[in-house]
Amino acid sequence: MKDVVILGMLAQIKEGEWWIEDPTGAIPINLNDAVFHKGIFTESALVLAEGTFVDGILQVTAFGFPPSEP
């Protein structure tokens, strides 16, 4: 896959490793090169992660919250 945007819950399934999970499963993420949008990101928060897959890990380039509803 090239560029993807994933909506899911931020989780720490293994200590020190961050994952995004939804009802279909969980994906490990790498946040080293991510640009974070404004906000406080806590475990179990719903987030949007944009990036590309490399060896089964989502290399996140942009990380933020989904748009709020009016």
C-alpha atoms as a PDB file:
ATOM      1  CA  MET A   1       0.000   0.000   0.000  1.00  0.00           C
ATOM      2  CA  LYS A   2       1.107   3.515  -0.639  1.00  0.00           C
ATOM      3  CA  ASP A   3      -0.342   6.330   1.452  1.00  0.00           C
ATOM      4  CA  VAL A   4      -3.065   5.368   3.933  1.00  0.00           C
ATOM      5  CA  VAL A   5      -5.138   7.152   6.557  1.00  0.00           C
ATOM      6  CA  ILE A   6      -6.378   5.001   9.423  1.00  0.00           C
ATOM      7  CA  LEU A   7      -8.960   5.838  12.085  1.00  0.00           C
ATOM      8  CA  GLY A   8      -8.584   3.807  15.250  1.00  0.00           C
ATOM      9  CA  MET A   9      -7.938   3.710  18.960  1.00  0.00           C
ATOM     10  CA  LEU A  10      -4.423   4.402  20.204  1.00  0.00           C
ATOM     11  CA  ALA A  11      -3.253   1.440  22.284  1.00  0.00           C
ATOM     12  CA  GLN A  12      -0.126   0.130  23.930  1.00  0.00           C
ATOM     13  CA  ILE A  13      -0.609  -3.622  23.504  1.00  0.00           C
ATOM     14  CA  LYS A  14       3.009  -4.350  24.407  1.00  0.00           C
ATOM     15  CA  GLU A  15       4.877  -2.036  26.751  1.00  0.00           C
ATOM     16  CA  GLY A  16       6.791   0.572  24.777  1.00  0.00           C
ATOM     17  CA  GLU A  17       5.053  -0.240  21.467  1.00  0.00           C
ATOM     18  CA  TRP A  18       2.170   1.846  20.118  1.00  0.00           C
ATOM     19  CA  TRP A  19      -0.625   0.347  18.048  1.00  0.00           C
ATOM     20  CA  ILE A  20      -3.801   1.522  16.358  1.00  0.00           C
ATOM     21  CA  GLU A  21      -6.700  -0.856  16.791  1.00  0.00           C
ATOM     22  CA  ASP A  22     -10.271  -1.090  15.577  1.00  0.00           C
ATOM     23  CA  PRO A  23     -12.879  -3.875  15.502  1.00  0.00           C
ATOM     24  CA  THR A  24     -11.001  -5.640  12.667  1.00  0.00           C
ATOM     25  CA  GLY A  25      -7.600  -5.852  14.396  1.00  0.00           C
ATOM     26  CA  ALA A  26      -4.489  -3.954  15.482  1.00  0.00           C
ATOM     27  CA  ILE A  27      -1.558  -2.453  13.576  1.00  0.00           C
ATOM     28  CA  PRO A  28       1.828  -1.523  15.074  1.00  0.00           C
ATOM     29  CA  ILE A  29       2.850   2.078  14.387  1.00  0.00           C
ATOM     30  CA  ASN A  30       6.134   3.969  14.329  1.00  0.00           C
ATOM     31  CA  LEU A  31       5.794   7.585  15.469  1.00  0.00           C
ATOM     32  CA  ASN A  32       9.460   8.614  15.129  1.00  0.00           C
ATOM     33  CA  ASP A  33       8.929  10.828  12.042  1.00  0.00           C
ATOM     34  CA  ALA A  34       5.326  11.858  12.745  1.00  0.00           C
ATOM     35  CA  VAL A  35       4.109  15.445  12.693  1.00  0.00           C
ATOM     36  CA  PHE A  36       1.612  15.810  15.535  1.00  0.00           C
ATOM     37  CA  HIS A  37      -1.395  18.075  15.251  1.00  0.00           C
ATOM     38  CA  LYS A  38      -2.448  20.062  18.315  1.00  0.00           C
ATOM     39  CA  GLY A  39      -3.899  18.104  21.198  1.00  0.00           C
ATOM     40  CA  ILE A  40      -3.155  15.702  24.006  1.00  0.00           C
ATOM     41  CA  PHE A  41      -2.885  12.116  22.797  1.00  0.00           C
ATOM     42  CA  THR A  42      -3.732   9.584  25.474  1.00  0.00           C
ATOM     43  CA  GLU A  43      -4.034   5.836  25.384  1.00  0.00           C
ATOM     44  CA  SER A  44      -7.507   4.778  24.159  1.00  0.00           C
ATOM     45  CA  ALA A  45      -8.018   8.048  22.237  1.00  0.00           C
ATOM     46  CA  LEU A  46      -9.530   7.865  18.758  1.00  0.00           C
ATOM     47  CA  VAL A  47      -6.930   9.142  16.302  1.00  0.00           C
ATOM     48  CA  LEU A  48      -6.211   9.517  12.602  1.00  0.00           C
ATOM     49  CA  ALA A  49      -2.809   8.275  11.458  1.00  0.00           C
ATOM     50  CA  GLU A  50      -1.457   8.956   7.978  1.00  0.00           C
ATOM     51  CA  GLY A  51       1.537   7.139   6.584  1.00  0.00           C
ATOM     52  CA  THR A  52       2.858   4.155   4.660  1.00  0.00           C
ATOM     53  CA  PHE A  53       3.411   0.501   5.527  1.00  0.00           C
ATOM     54  CA  VAL A  54       6.973  -0.823   5.737  1.00  0.00           C
ATOM     55  CA  ASP A  55       7.424  -4.465   6.804  1.00  0.00           C
ATOM     56  CA  GLY A  56       3.939  -4.565   8.374  1.00  0.00           C
ATOM     57  CA  ILE A  57       4.457  -1.444  10.503  1.00  0.00           C
ATOM     58  CA  LEU A  58       2.677   1.819   9.742  1.00  0.00           C
ATOM     59  CA  GLN A  59       5.321   4.544   9.431  1.00  0.00           C
ATOM     60  CA  VAL A  60       3.250   7.529  10.546  1.00  0.00           C
ATOM     61  CA  THR A  61       3.913  10.894   8.881  1.00  0.00           C
ATOM     62  CA  ALA A  62       0.937  12.831  10.323  1.00  0.00           C
ATOM     63  CA  PHE A  63      -0.979  12.141  13.512  1.00  0.00           C
ATOM     64  CA  GLY A  64      -4.076  13.898  14.789  1.00  0.00           C
ATOM     65  CA  PHE A  65      -7.689  13.737  15.885  1.00  0.00           C
ATOM     66  CA  PRO A  66     -10.683  13.173  13.614  1.00  0.00           C
ATOM     67  CA  PRO A  67     -12.722  16.309  12.895  1.00  0.00           C
ATOM     68  CA  SER A  68     -15.299  17.138  15.540  1.00  0.00           C
ATOM     69  CA  GLU A  69     -18.991  17.086  14.764  1.00  0.00           C
ATOM     70  CA  PRO A  70     -20.966  20.355  14.764  1.00  0.00           C
END
